[in-house]
Amino acid sequence: MNSLLIYGSVQANPLYNCSAKPASQWTDELGTQRIFLGVILIIFGIIVEILYVPCLGAIYKKKLLQHSCYKIMFLLGITDMLTTCTATILSGYLLTVGAVFCTYPELIYVAGCFALGGWVSSCAWTLLLVINRISDMIAPRISDFLFSGNRTWIVALIPIPYTLSVMFFTPAIIFNSTVMAWIGDPLIYEERAQDYYNPIQNLNNVVFISGTIVLYGAYCFFMAKKTMGYKVSAGKNVFIQSTLICSINCSSALVYSSMMFHKPNEYIVLFGELAWSFVHGCPAIIYLTMNKTVRQEVLRWIRRKNPAVQDSDKYTANSLEHRSRNTL
């Protein structure tokens, strides 16, 4: 957002000025229309948004927010919903029309600022969630000091100033349909990619990658050690969830970090873009498949909202009652 703050508008900044050519010419020369991929992203984004609403509602209604980890998960879920609008749904639309920065300069610039903010806040809250789980397991006193009661909300608000500073005072990420990703360079000028370099974004990715590997690895180790000798599936489920989140988040961060130094293979870039979309969508899927409390509450909500399911439940109940009477 620094272009808006300093220059008053996006294109008033010489680095983002598209006046050399009409928007249609920029699109024809630099863009690549990818309708199939765009439609897939739009559909996936809409499904994620639909799934997240009952999941967050279930967390709130079942009073799970009294637990510190669910407070962080709730904030992470809201961030994921907001970022999905840009990273997935808007990206899908831009791919279908073959857009580049100069196609919609103001829209893409502002959306890129919010997308970058969503990414760094998601990284921060993901690491905070792991710190919460590890401290609760191996350092209960520290966990009580940081995460007891409403203190969790105070600690969880720490990433917000960091997120706002990245959004407003660092270069935005810019969408390009040919590259199939959000990158720093709007590709207006040749040989000026370094002018759009964002060291904070790269540092965030490096810290996040190393922190995720170390913390999730330690979490899995202590959880496996804690459940050793017990025939329970909790340790296995935690390991699967941790591995999924770790691998997806780290894969996306690695691809985007490498793009700051050299252009990787287009399939690797595509994988990074899809992984980024899945980073913000996979928690909703994990809640529904691996969190029994959330899943049961969502199913109850669906039954109450769906008359066909209610009629089916009534029919089943009446059938069972009729059979019991005949048996008697």
C-alpha atoms as a PDB file:
ATOM      1  CA  MET A   1       0.000   0.000   0.000  1.00  0.00           C
ATOM      2  CA  ASN A   2       3.027   2.307   0.072  1.00  0.00           C
ATOM      3  CA  SER A   3       2.209   3.561  -3.442  1.00  0.00           C
ATOM      4  CA  LEU A   4      -1.187   4.749  -2.241  1.00  0.00           C
ATOM      5  CA  LEU A   5       0.293   6.281   0.904  1.00  0.00           C
ATOM      6  CA  ILE A   6       3.182   8.095  -0.797  1.00  0.00           C
ATOM      7  CA  TYR A   7       1.862   8.876  -4.294  1.00  0.00           C
ATOM      8  CA  GLY A   8      -1.895   8.961  -3.693  1.00  0.00           C
ATOM      9  CA  SER A   9      -2.648   6.359  -6.372  1.00  0.00           C
ATOM     10  CA  VAL A  10      -1.146   3.180  -7.752  1.00  0.00           C
ATOM     11  CA  GLN A  11      -0.108   4.426 -11.173  1.00  0.00           C
ATOM     12  CA  ALA A  12       1.283   7.694  -9.826  1.00  0.00           C
ATOM     13  CA  ASN A  13       4.202   5.534  -8.668  1.00  0.00           C
ATOM     14  CA  PRO A  14       6.646   5.345 -11.634  1.00  0.00           C
ATOM     15  CA  LEU A  15       7.346   1.679 -10.878  1.00  0.00           C
ATOM     16  CA  TYR A  16       3.671   0.792 -11.416  1.00  0.00           C
ATOM     17  CA  ASN A  17       2.738   3.161 -14.233  1.00  0.00           C
ATOM     18  CA  CYS A  18       0.963   1.452 -17.149  1.00  0.00           C
ATOM     19  CA  SER A  19       0.376   4.516 -19.313  1.00  0.00           C
ATOM     20  CA  ALA A  20       2.849   3.385 -22.016  1.00  0.00           C
ATOM     21  CA  LYS A  21       0.224   1.061 -23.542  1.00  0.00           C
ATOM     22  CA  PRO A  22      -3.542   0.473 -23.396  1.00  0.00           C
ATOM     23  CA  ALA A  23      -4.708  -2.183 -20.914  1.00  0.00           C
ATOM     24  CA  SER A  24      -5.819  -4.496 -23.732  1.00  0.00           C
ATOM     25  CA  GLN A  25      -2.366  -4.384 -25.318  1.00  0.00           C
ATOM     26  CA  TRP A  26      -0.658  -5.223 -22.026  1.00  0.00           C
ATOM     27  CA  THR A  27      -3.035  -8.180 -21.640  1.00  0.00           C
ATOM     28  CA  ASP A  28      -2.444  -9.463 -25.181  1.00  0.00           C
ATOM     29  CA  GLU A  29       1.340  -9.173 -24.950  1.00  0.00           C
ATOM     30  CA  LEU A  30       1.978 -10.459 -21.415  1.00  0.00           C
ATOM     31  CA  GLY A  31      -1.128 -12.437 -20.429  1.00  0.00           C
ATOM     32  CA  THR A  32      -2.141 -16.049 -21.041  1.00  0.00           C
ATOM     33  CA  GLN A  33      -5.761 -17.113 -20.754  1.00  0.00           C
ATOM     34  CA  ARG A  34      -6.139 -20.256 -18.617  1.00  0.00           C
ATOM     35  CA  ILE A  35      -9.869 -20.879 -18.378  1.00  0.00           C
ATOM     36  CA  PHE A  36      -9.814 -24.454 -17.039  1.00  0.00           C
ATOM     37  CA  LEU A  37      -7.362 -23.694 -14.233  1.00  0.00           C
ATOM     38  CA  GLY A  38      -9.227 -20.504 -13.370  1.00  0.00           C
ATOM     39  CA  VAL A  39     -12.581 -22.268 -13.100  1.00  0.00           C
ATOM     40  CA  ILE A  40     -11.053 -24.976 -10.889  1.00  0.00           C
ATOM     41  CA  LEU A  41      -9.660 -22.349  -8.507  1.00  0.00           C
ATOM     42  CA  ILE A  42     -12.957 -20.472  -8.381  1.00  0.00           C
ATOM     43  CA  ILE A  43     -14.922 -23.638  -7.584  1.00  0.00           C
ATOM     44  CA  PHE A  44     -12.394 -24.721  -4.949  1.00  0.00           C
ATOM     45  CA  GLY A  45     -12.436 -21.266  -3.344  1.00  0.00           C
ATOM     46  CA  ILE A  46     -16.230 -21.165  -3.157  1.00  0.00           C
ATOM     47  CA  ILE A  47     -16.331 -24.664  -1.628  1.00  0.00           C
ATOM     48  CA  VAL A  48     -13.749 -23.643   0.985  1.00  0.00           C
ATOM     49  CA  GLU A  49     -15.727 -20.529   1.910  1.00  0.00           C
ATOM     50  CA  ILE A  50     -18.915 -22.574   2.243  1.00  0.00           C
ATOM     51  CA  LEU A  51     -17.194 -25.210   4.422  1.00  0.00           C
ATOM     52  CA  TYR A  52     -15.526 -22.674   6.680  1.00  0.00           C
ATOM     53  CA  VAL A  53     -18.746 -20.966   7.777  1.00  0.00           C
ATOM     54  CA  PRO A  54     -20.271 -23.991   9.602  1.00  0.00           C
ATOM     55  CA  CYS A  55     -16.833 -25.034  10.903  1.00  0.00           C
ATOM     56  CA  LEU A  56     -16.225 -21.689  12.606  1.00  0.00           C
ATOM     57  CA  GLY A  57     -19.845 -21.633  13.717  1.00  0.00           C
ATOM     58  CA  ALA A  58     -19.408 -25.063  15.304  1.00  0.00           C
ATOM     59  CA  ILE A  59     -16.253 -23.935  17.127  1.00  0.00           C
ATOM     60  CA  TYR A  60     -18.154 -20.958  18.531  1.00  0.00           C
ATOM     61  CA  LYS A  61     -21.392 -22.769  19.355  1.00  0.00           C
ATOM     62  CA  LYS A  62     -19.777 -25.735  21.085  1.00  0.00           C
ATOM     63  CA  LYS A  63     -17.890 -23.274  23.305  1.00  0.00           C
ATOM     64  CA  LEU A  64     -14.572 -24.609  22.077  1.00  0.00           C
ATOM     65  CA  LEU A  65     -13.190 -21.068  22.287  1.00  0.00           C
ATOM     66  CA  GLN A  66     -12.621 -21.658  25.991  1.00  0.00           C
ATOM     67  CA  HIS A  67      -9.590 -23.667  24.865  1.00  0.00           C
ATOM     68  CA  SER A  68      -6.566 -21.599  23.875  1.00  0.00           C
ATOM     69  CA  CYS A  69      -5.775 -23.575  20.727  1.00  0.00           C
ATOM     70  CA  TYR A  70      -9.292 -23.051  19.342  1.00  0.00           C
ATOM     71  CA  LYS A  71      -8.977 -19.296  19.857  1.00  0.00           C
ATOM     72  CA  ILE A  72      -5.937 -19.291  17.574  1.00  0.00           C
ATOM     73  CA  MET A  73      -7.612 -21.681  15.132  1.00  0.00           C
ATOM     74  CA  PHE A  74     -10.654 -19.391  14.993  1.00  0.00           C
ATOM     75  CA  LEU A  75      -8.525 -16.354  14.098  1.00  0.00           C
ATOM     76  CA  LEU A  76      -6.619 -18.454  11.582  1.00  0.00           C
ATOM     77  CA  GLY A  77      -9.897 -19.554  10.029  1.00  0.00           C
ATOM     78  CA  ILE A  78     -11.115 -15.961   9.598  1.00  0.00           C
ATOM     79  CA  THR A  79      -7.785 -15.058   7.985  1.00  0.00           C
ATOM     80  CA  ASP A  80      -8.032 -18.052   5.661  1.00  0.00           C
ATOM     81  CA  MET A  81     -11.529 -17.068   4.565  1.00  0.00           C
ATOM     82  CA  LEU A  82     -10.438 -13.517   3.752  1.00  0.00           C
ATOM     83  CA  THR A  83      -7.276 -14.627   1.957  1.00  0.00           C
ATOM     84  CA  THR A  84      -9.117 -17.293  -0.042  1.00  0.00           C
ATOM     85  CA  CYS A  85     -11.124 -14.507  -1.685  1.00  0.00           C
ATOM     86  CA  THR A  86      -7.873 -13.205  -3.188  1.00  0.00           C
ATOM     87  CA  ALA A  87      -5.517 -16.164  -3.395  1.00  0.00           C
ATOM     88  CA  THR A  88      -8.088 -18.505  -4.906  1.00  0.00           C
ATOM     89  CA  ILE A  89     -11.324 -16.925  -6.139  1.00  0.00           C
ATOM     90  CA  LEU A  90      -9.858 -13.691  -7.542  1.00  0.00           C
ATOM     91  CA  SER A  91      -6.845 -15.592  -8.909  1.00  0.00           C
ATOM     92  CA  GLY A  92      -9.235 -17.927 -10.707  1.00  0.00           C
ATOM     93  CA  TYR A  93     -11.072 -15.033 -12.342  1.00  0.00           C
ATOM     94  CA  LEU A  94      -7.815 -13.344 -13.395  1.00  0.00           C
ATOM     95  CA  LEU A  95      -6.637 -16.608 -14.956  1.00  0.00           C
ATOM     96  CA  THR A  96      -9.848 -16.992 -16.952  1.00  0.00           C
ATOM     97  CA  VAL A  97      -9.381 -13.553 -18.540  1.00  0.00           C
ATOM     98  CA  GLY A  98      -5.599 -13.863 -18.917  1.00  0.00           C
ATOM     99  CA  ALA A  99      -4.951 -10.787 -16.780  1.00  0.00           C
ATOM    100  CA  VAL A 100      -1.652  -9.111 -15.960  1.00  0.00           C
ATOM    101  CA  PHE A 101      -0.966  -6.171 -13.664  1.00  0.00           C
ATOM    102  CA  CYS A 102      -1.819  -3.509 -16.235  1.00  0.00           C
ATOM    103  CA  THR A 103      -5.160  -5.180 -17.013  1.00  0.00           C
ATOM    104  CA  TYR A 104      -6.552  -4.100 -13.616  1.00  0.00           C
ATOM    105  CA  PRO A 105      -3.691  -2.214 -11.936  1.00  0.00           C
ATOM    106  CA  GLU A 106      -5.589  -0.795  -8.954  1.00  0.00           C
ATOM    107  CA  LEU A 107      -7.500  -4.004  -8.224  1.00  0.00           C
ATOM    108  CA  ILE A 108      -4.476  -6.285  -8.526  1.00  0.00           C
ATOM    109  CA  TYR A 109      -2.215  -3.987  -6.507  1.00  0.00           C
ATOM    110  CA  VAL A 110      -4.618  -3.615  -3.574  1.00  0.00           C
ATOM    111  CA  ALA A 111      -5.557  -7.312  -3.697  1.00  0.00           C
ATOM    112  CA  GLY A 112      -1.851  -8.191  -3.712  1.00  0.00           C
ATOM    113  CA  CYS A 113      -1.304  -6.173  -0.547  1.00  0.00           C
ATOM    114  CA  PHE A 114      -4.146  -7.986   1.211  1.00  0.00           C
ATOM    115  CA  ALA A 115      -2.997 -11.372  -0.108  1.00  0.00           C
ATOM    116  CA  LEU A 116       0.529 -10.800   1.204  1.00  0.00           C
ATOM    117  CA  GLY A 117      -0.878  -9.680   4.546  1.00  0.00           C
ATOM    118  CA  GLY A 118      -3.044 -12.786   4.710  1.00  0.00           C
ATOM    119  CA  TRP A 119      -0.057 -15.001   3.979  1.00  0.00           C
ATOM    120  CA  VAL A 120       2.246 -13.550   6.658  1.00  0.00           C
ATOM    121  CA  SER A 121      -0.524 -13.513   9.290  1.00  0.00           C
ATOM    122  CA  SER A 122      -1.372 -17.127   8.452  1.00  0.00           C
ATOM    123  CA  CYS A 123       2.298 -18.045   8.884  1.00  0.00           C
ATOM    124  CA  ALA A 124       2.463 -16.242  12.240  1.00  0.00           C
ATOM    125  CA  TRP A 125      -0.711 -17.811  13.632  1.00  0.00           C
ATOM    126  CA  THR A 126       0.282 -21.276  12.420  1.00  0.00           C
ATOM    127  CA  LEU A 127       3.583 -21.036  14.291  1.00  0.00           C
ATOM    128  CA  LEU A 128       1.788 -19.607  17.330  1.00  0.00           C
ATOM    129  CA  LEU A 129      -0.590 -22.565  17.288  1.00  0.00           C
ATOM    130  CA  VAL A 130       2.322 -25.004  17.365  1.00  0.00           C
ATOM    131  CA  ILE A 131       4.002 -23.043  20.174  1.00  0.00           C
ATOM    132  CA  ASN A 132       0.729 -23.272  22.080  1.00  0.00           C
ATOM    133  CA  ARG A 133       0.547 -27.035  21.633  1.00  0.00           C
ATOM    134  CA  ILE A 134       4.205 -27.683  22.481  1.00  0.00           C
ATOM    135  CA  SER A 135       4.209 -25.429  25.562  1.00  0.00           C
ATOM    136  CA  ASP A 136       1.040 -27.105  26.795  1.00  0.00           C
ATOM    137  CA  MET A 137       2.774 -30.460  26.465  1.00  0.00           C
ATOM    138  CA  ILE A 138       6.300 -29.856  27.789  1.00  0.00           C
ATOM    139  CA  ALA A 139       6.085 -26.516  29.657  1.00  0.00           C
ATOM    140  CA  PRO A 140       2.681 -26.210  31.389  1.00  0.00           C
ATOM    141  CA  ARG A 141       3.757 -23.201  33.484  1.00  0.00           C
ATOM    142  CA  ILE A 142       4.732 -21.211  30.405  1.00  0.00           C
ATOM    143  CA  SER A 143       1.526 -22.326  28.720  1.00  0.00           C
ATOM    144  CA  ASP A 144      -0.569 -21.139  31.681  1.00  0.00           C
ATOM    145  CA  PHE A 145       1.239 -17.783  31.708  1.00  0.00           C
ATOM    146  CA  LEU A 146       0.783 -17.128  27.973  1.00  0.00           C
ATOM    147  CA  PHE A 147      -2.423 -18.921  27.069  1.00  0.00           C
ATOM    148  CA  SER A 148      -4.664 -19.098  30.133  1.00  0.00           C
ATOM    149  CA  GLY A 149      -8.080 -17.466  29.841  1.00  0.00           C
ATOM    150  CA  ASN A 150      -8.261 -14.267  27.815  1.00  0.00           C
ATOM    151  CA  ARG A 151      -4.475 -13.965  27.676  1.00  0.00           C
ATOM    152  CA  THR A 152      -4.611 -16.077  24.550  1.00  0.00           C
ATOM    153  CA  TRP A 153      -6.492 -13.308  22.729  1.00  0.00           C
ATOM    154  CA  ILE A 154      -3.813 -10.796  23.754  1.00  0.00           C
ATOM    155  CA  VAL A 155      -0.978 -13.060  22.581  1.00  0.00           C
ATOM    156  CA  ALA A 156      -2.875 -13.916  19.391  1.00  0.00           C
ATOM    157  CA  LEU A 157      -3.174 -10.216  18.515  1.00  0.00           C
ATOM    158  CA  ILE A 158       0.622  -9.865  18.300  1.00  0.00           C
ATOM    159  CA  PRO A 159       0.759 -10.859  14.581  1.00  0.00           C
ATOM    160  CA  ILE A 160      -1.702  -8.080  13.634  1.00  0.00           C
ATOM    161  CA  PRO A 161       0.778  -5.124  13.806  1.00  0.00           C
ATOM    162  CA  TYR A 162       3.269  -7.230  11.862  1.00  0.00           C
ATOM    163  CA  THR A 163       0.630  -8.010   9.236  1.00  0.00           C
ATOM    164  CA  LEU A 164      -0.395  -4.364   8.858  1.00  0.00           C
ATOM    165  CA  SER A 165       3.220  -3.213   8.533  1.00  0.00           C
ATOM    166  CA  VAL A 166       3.831  -5.754   5.745  1.00  0.00           C
ATOM    167  CA  MET A 167       0.625  -4.742   3.959  1.00  0.00           C
ATOM    168  CA  PHE A 168       1.231  -0.992   4.099  1.00  0.00           C
ATOM    169  CA  PHE A 169       4.993  -0.552   4.007  1.00  0.00           C
ATOM    170  CA  THR A 170       6.416  -3.294   1.769  1.00  0.00           C
ATOM    171  CA  PRO A 171       6.063  -3.911  -1.995  1.00  0.00           C
ATOM    172  CA  ALA A 172       2.879  -5.711  -3.019  1.00  0.00           C
ATOM    173  CA  ILE A 173       2.705  -9.040  -4.807  1.00  0.00           C
ATOM    174  CA  ILE A 174       1.330  -8.787  -8.351  1.00  0.00           C
ATOM    175  CA  PHE A 175      -0.691 -11.369 -10.285  1.00  0.00           C
ATOM    176  CA  ASN A 176       0.404 -12.569 -13.714  1.00  0.00           C
ATOM    177  CA  SER A 177      -1.596 -15.153 -15.659  1.00  0.00           C
ATOM    178  CA  THR A 178       1.423 -16.303 -17.720  1.00  0.00           C
ATOM    179  CA  VAL A 179       3.531 -16.975 -14.625  1.00  0.00           C
ATOM    180  CA  MET A 180       0.406 -18.362 -12.891  1.00  0.00           C
ATOM    181  CA  ALA A 181       1.340 -16.763  -9.596  1.00  0.00           C
ATOM    182  CA  TRP A 182       1.503 -13.592  -7.508  1.00  0.00           C
ATOM    183  CA  ILE A 183       5.015 -12.190  -7.886  1.00  0.00           C
ATOM    184  CA  GLY A 184       6.690  -8.923  -6.960  1.00  0.00           C
ATOM    185  CA  ASP A 185       7.533  -7.767 -10.492  1.00  0.00           C
ATOM    186  CA  PRO A 186       4.573  -6.357 -12.506  1.00  0.00           C
ATOM    187  CA  LEU A 187       6.674  -6.984 -15.664  1.00  0.00           C
ATOM    188  CA  ILE A 188       6.247  -3.415 -16.888  1.00  0.00           C
ATOM    189  CA  TYR A 189       9.971  -2.747 -17.262  1.00  0.00           C
ATOM    190  CA  GLU A 190      12.709  -5.144 -18.264  1.00  0.00           C
ATOM    191  CA  GLU A 191      15.735  -5.632 -16.040  1.00  0.00           C
ATOM    192  CA  ARG A 192      14.109  -3.916 -13.044  1.00  0.00           C
ATOM    193  CA  ALA A 193      12.951  -6.942 -11.073  1.00  0.00           C
ATOM    194  CA  GLN A 194      15.272  -6.050  -8.191  1.00  0.00           C
ATOM    195  CA  ASP A 195      13.342  -2.812  -7.621  1.00  0.00           C
ATOM    196  CA  TYR A 196      10.328  -4.880  -6.561  1.00  0.00           C
ATOM    197  CA  TYR A 197      12.228  -7.203  -4.233  1.00  0.00           C
ATOM    198  CA  ASN A 198      10.574  -7.603  -0.825  1.00  0.00           C
ATOM    199  CA  PRO A 199      13.156  -8.708   1.785  1.00  0.00           C
ATOM    200  CA  ILE A 200      10.515  -8.908   4.530  1.00  0.00           C
ATOM    201  CA  GLN A 201       8.500 -11.430   2.549  1.00  0.00           C
ATOM    202  CA  ASN A 202      11.565 -13.553   1.899  1.00  0.00           C
ATOM    203  CA  LEU A 203      12.637 -13.373   5.562  1.00  0.00           C
ATOM    204  CA  ASN A 204       9.111 -14.335   6.615  1.00  0.00           C
ATOM    205  CA  ASN A 205       9.226 -17.410   4.376  1.00  0.00           C
ATOM    206  CA  VAL A 206      12.655 -18.474   5.626  1.00  0.00           C
ATOM    207  CA  VAL A 207      11.639 -18.096   9.280  1.00  0.00           C
ATOM    208  CA  PHE A 208       8.340 -19.826   8.628  1.00  0.00           C
ATOM    209  CA  ILE A 209       9.910 -22.763   6.781  1.00  0.00           C
ATOM    210  CA  SER A 210      12.595 -23.391   9.386  1.00  0.00           C
ATOM    211  CA  GLY A 211      10.233 -22.719  12.293  1.00  0.00           C
ATOM    212  CA  THR A 212       7.536 -25.004  10.901  1.00  0.00           C
ATOM    213  CA  ILE A 213       9.941 -27.889  10.341  1.00  0.00           C
ATOM    214  CA  VAL A 214      11.528 -27.587  13.799  1.00  0.00           C
ATOM    215  CA  LEU A 215       8.346 -26.955  15.781  1.00  0.00           C
ATOM    216  CA  TYR A 216       6.104 -29.446  13.994  1.00  0.00           C
ATOM    217  CA  GLY A 217       8.889 -32.019  14.158  1.00  0.00           C
ATOM    218  CA  ALA A 218       9.236 -31.471  17.905  1.00  0.00           C
ATOM    219  CA  TYR A 219       5.453 -31.567  18.347  1.00  0.00           C
ATOM    220  CA  CYS A 220       5.182 -34.885  16.521  1.00  0.00           C
ATOM    221  CA  PHE A 221       8.097 -36.293  18.521  1.00  0.00           C
ATOM    222  CA  PHE A 222       6.665 -35.364  21.919  1.00  0.00           C
ATOM    223  CA  MET A 223       3.163 -36.444  20.941  1.00  0.00           C
ATOM    224  CA  ALA A 224       4.416 -39.822  19.732  1.00  0.00           C
ATOM    225  CA  LYS A 225       6.423 -40.219  22.930  1.00  0.00           C
ATOM    226  CA  LYS A 226       3.443 -39.265  25.067  1.00  0.00           C
ATOM    227  CA  THR A 227       1.102 -41.770  23.404  1.00  0.00           C
ATOM    228  CA  MET A 228       3.674 -44.560  23.211  1.00  0.00           C
ATOM    229  CA  GLY A 229       2.302 -47.799  24.568  1.00  0.00           C
ATOM    230  CA  TYR A 230      -1.335 -46.704  24.318  1.00  0.00           C
ATOM    231  CA  LYS A 231      -3.708 -48.038  21.706  1.00  0.00           C
ATOM    232  CA  VAL A 232      -5.141 -44.686  20.728  1.00  0.00           C
ATOM    233  CA  SER A 233      -5.430 -42.959  17.401  1.00  0.00           C
ATOM    234  CA  ALA A 234      -4.857 -39.423  18.749  1.00  0.00           C
ATOM    235  CA  GLY A 235      -1.120 -39.493  18.199  1.00  0.00           C
ATOM    236  CA  LYS A 236      -1.544 -40.818  14.672  1.00  0.00           C
ATOM    237  CA  ASN A 237      -4.165 -38.200  13.798  1.00  0.00           C
ATOM    238  CA  VAL A 238      -2.019 -35.389  15.178  1.00  0.00           C
ATOM    239  CA  PHE A 239       0.958 -36.654  13.196  1.00  0.00           C
ATOM    240  CA  ILE A 240      -1.098 -36.789   9.979  1.00  0.00           C
ATOM    241  CA  GLN A 241      -2.539 -33.305  10.493  1.00  0.00           C
ATOM    242  CA  SER A 242       0.863 -31.850  11.361  1.00  0.00           C
ATOM    243  CA  THR A 243       2.508 -33.503   8.368  1.00  0.00           C
ATOM    244  CA  LEU A 244      -0.170 -32.237   5.987  1.00  0.00           C
ATOM    245  CA  ILE A 245      -0.052 -28.663   7.232  1.00  0.00           C
ATOM    246  CA  CYS A 246       3.734 -28.648   7.397  1.00  0.00           C
ATOM    247  CA  SER A 247       4.272 -30.056   3.903  1.00  0.00           C
ATOM    248  CA  ILE A 248       1.678 -27.845   2.177  1.00  0.00           C
ATOM    249  CA  ASN A 249       2.732 -24.611   3.881  1.00  0.00           C
ATOM    250  CA  CYS A 250       6.431 -25.261   3.426  1.00  0.00           C
ATOM    251  CA  SER A 251       6.020 -26.264  -0.231  1.00  0.00           C
ATOM    252  CA  SER A 252       4.236 -23.026  -1.061  1.00  0.00           C
ATOM    253  CA  ALA A 253       6.748 -20.934   0.891  1.00  0.00           C
ATOM    254  CA  LEU A 254       9.708 -22.665  -0.780  1.00  0.00           C
ATOM    255  CA  VAL A 255       8.360 -22.074  -4.286  1.00  0.00           C
ATOM    256  CA  TYR A 256       7.613 -18.406  -3.678  1.00  0.00           C
ATOM    257  CA  SER A 257      10.978 -17.858  -1.989  1.00  0.00           C
ATOM    258  CA  SER A 258      12.807 -19.417  -4.942  1.00  0.00           C
ATOM    259  CA  MET A 259      10.901 -17.188  -7.380  1.00  0.00           C
ATOM    260  CA  MET A 260      12.582 -14.146  -5.844  1.00  0.00           C
ATOM    261  CA  PHE A 261      15.951 -15.313  -7.151  1.00  0.00           C
ATOM    262  CA  HIS A 262      15.220 -17.235 -10.370  1.00  0.00           C
ATOM    263  CA  LYS A 263      12.271 -18.405 -12.438  1.00  0.00           C
ATOM    264  CA  PRO A 264      11.524 -22.065 -11.702  1.00  0.00           C
ATOM    265  CA  ASN A 265       9.781 -24.527 -14.012  1.00  0.00           C
ATOM    266  CA  GLU A 266       6.185 -23.511 -14.778  1.00  0.00           C
ATOM    267  CA  TYR A 267       4.858 -26.727 -13.242  1.00  0.00           C
ATOM    268  CA  ILE A 268       6.677 -25.943 -10.005  1.00  0.00           C
ATOM    269  CA  VAL A 269       5.171 -22.450 -10.047  1.00  0.00           C
ATOM    270  CA  LEU A 270       1.725 -23.947 -10.662  1.00  0.00           C
ATOM    271  CA  PHE A 271       2.264 -26.334  -7.750  1.00  0.00           C
ATOM    272  CA  GLY A 272       3.210 -23.389  -5.535  1.00  0.00           C
ATOM    273  CA  GLU A 273       0.073 -21.455  -6.506  1.00  0.00           C
ATOM    274  CA  LEU A 274      -2.172 -24.460  -5.881  1.00  0.00           C
ATOM    275  CA  ALA A 275      -0.386 -25.169  -2.595  1.00  0.00           C
ATOM    276  CA  TRP A 276      -0.949 -21.555  -1.517  1.00  0.00           C
ATOM    277  CA  SER A 277      -4.661 -21.916  -2.263  1.00  0.00           C
ATOM    278  CA  PHE A 278      -4.753 -25.174  -0.337  1.00  0.00           C
ATOM    279  CA  VAL A 279      -2.864 -23.642   2.615  1.00  0.00           C
ATOM    280  CA  HIS A 280      -5.890 -21.466   3.338  1.00  0.00           C
ATOM    281  CA  GLY A 281      -8.429 -24.153   2.447  1.00  0.00           C
ATOM    282  CA  CYS A 282      -7.071 -27.314   4.030  1.00  0.00           C
ATOM    283  CA  PRO A 283      -7.885 -26.384   7.670  1.00  0.00           C
ATOM    284  CA  ALA A 284     -11.618 -26.444   6.902  1.00  0.00           C
ATOM    285  CA  ILE A 285     -11.231 -29.860   5.288  1.00  0.00           C
ATOM    286  CA  ILE A 286      -9.133 -31.109   8.225  1.00  0.00           C
ATOM    287  CA  TYR A 287     -11.739 -29.898  10.733  1.00  0.00           C
ATOM    288  CA  LEU A 288     -14.491 -31.821   8.949  1.00  0.00           C
ATOM    289  CA  THR A 289     -12.498 -35.031   8.463  1.00  0.00           C
ATOM    290  CA  MET A 290     -10.383 -35.238  11.638  1.00  0.00           C
ATOM    291  CA  ASN A 291     -12.182 -33.169  14.288  1.00  0.00           C
ATOM    292  CA  LYS A 292     -15.085 -35.231  15.587  1.00  0.00           C
ATOM    293  CA  THR A 293     -16.675 -32.416  17.631  1.00  0.00           C
ATOM    294  CA  VAL A 294     -16.749 -29.960  14.734  1.00  0.00           C
ATOM    295  CA  ARG A 295     -17.894 -32.613  12.255  1.00  0.00           C
ATOM    296  CA  GLN A 296     -20.816 -33.737  14.419  1.00  0.00           C
ATOM    297  CA  GLU A 297     -21.977 -30.170  15.016  1.00  0.00           C
ATOM    298  CA  VAL A 298     -21.809 -29.379  11.280  1.00  0.00           C
ATOM    299  CA  LEU A 299     -23.825 -32.515  10.495  1.00  0.00           C
ATOM    300  CA  ARG A 300     -26.457 -31.503  13.053  1.00  0.00           C
ATOM    301  CA  TRP A 301     -26.600 -28.052  11.474  1.00  0.00           C
ATOM    302  CA  ILE A 302     -27.086 -29.589   8.006  1.00  0.00           C
ATOM    303  CA  ARG A 303     -29.879 -31.851   9.274  1.00  0.00           C
ATOM    304  CA  ARG A 304     -31.714 -28.916  10.806  1.00  0.00           C
ATOM    305  CA  LYS A 305     -31.400 -26.885   7.618  1.00  0.00           C
ATOM    306  CA  ASN A 306     -32.324 -29.702   5.242  1.00  0.00           C
ATOM    307  CA  PRO A 307     -36.023 -30.702   5.347  1.00  0.00           C
ATOM    308  CA  ALA A 308     -35.306 -33.821   3.289  1.00  0.00           C
ATOM    309  CA  VAL A 309     -32.902 -35.090   5.931  1.00  0.00           C
ATOM    310  CA  GLN A 310     -35.392 -34.286   8.684  1.00  0.00           C
ATOM    311  CA  ASP A 311     -38.148 -36.188   6.851  1.00  0.00           C
ATOM    312  CA  SER A 312     -35.761 -39.096   6.353  1.00  0.00           C
ATOM    313  CA  ASP A 313     -34.905 -39.123  10.055  1.00  0.00           C
ATOM    314  CA  LYS A 314     -38.622 -39.040  10.973  1.00  0.00           C
ATOM    315  CA  TYR A 315     -39.367 -41.860   8.513  1.00  0.00           C
ATOM    316  CA  THR A 316     -36.568 -43.953   9.993  1.00  0.00           C
ATOM    317  CA  ALA A 317     -37.792 -43.325  13.525  1.00  0.00           C
ATOM    318  CA  ASN A 318     -41.425 -44.190  12.597  1.00  0.00           C
ATOM    319  CA  SER A 319     -40.279 -47.360  10.832  1.00  0.00           C
ATOM    320  CA  LEU A 320     -38.334 -48.497  13.886  1.00  0.00           C
ATOM    321  CA  GLU A 321     -41.323 -47.749  16.149  1.00  0.00           C
ATOM    322  CA  HIS A 322     -43.677 -49.693  13.828  1.00  0.00           C
ATOM    323  CA  ARG A 323     -41.327 -52.695  13.769  1.00  0.00           C
ATOM    324  CA  SER A 324     -41.028 -52.731  17.565  1.00  0.00           C
ATOM    325  CA  ARG A 325     -44.826 -52.725  17.953  1.00  0.00           C
ATOM    326  CA  ASN A 326     -45.213 -55.607  15.518  1.00  0.00           C
ATOM    327  CA  THR A 327     -42.552 -57.540  17.364  1.00  0.00           C
ATOM    328  CA  LEU A 328     -44.335 -57.029  20.670  1.00  0.00           C
END
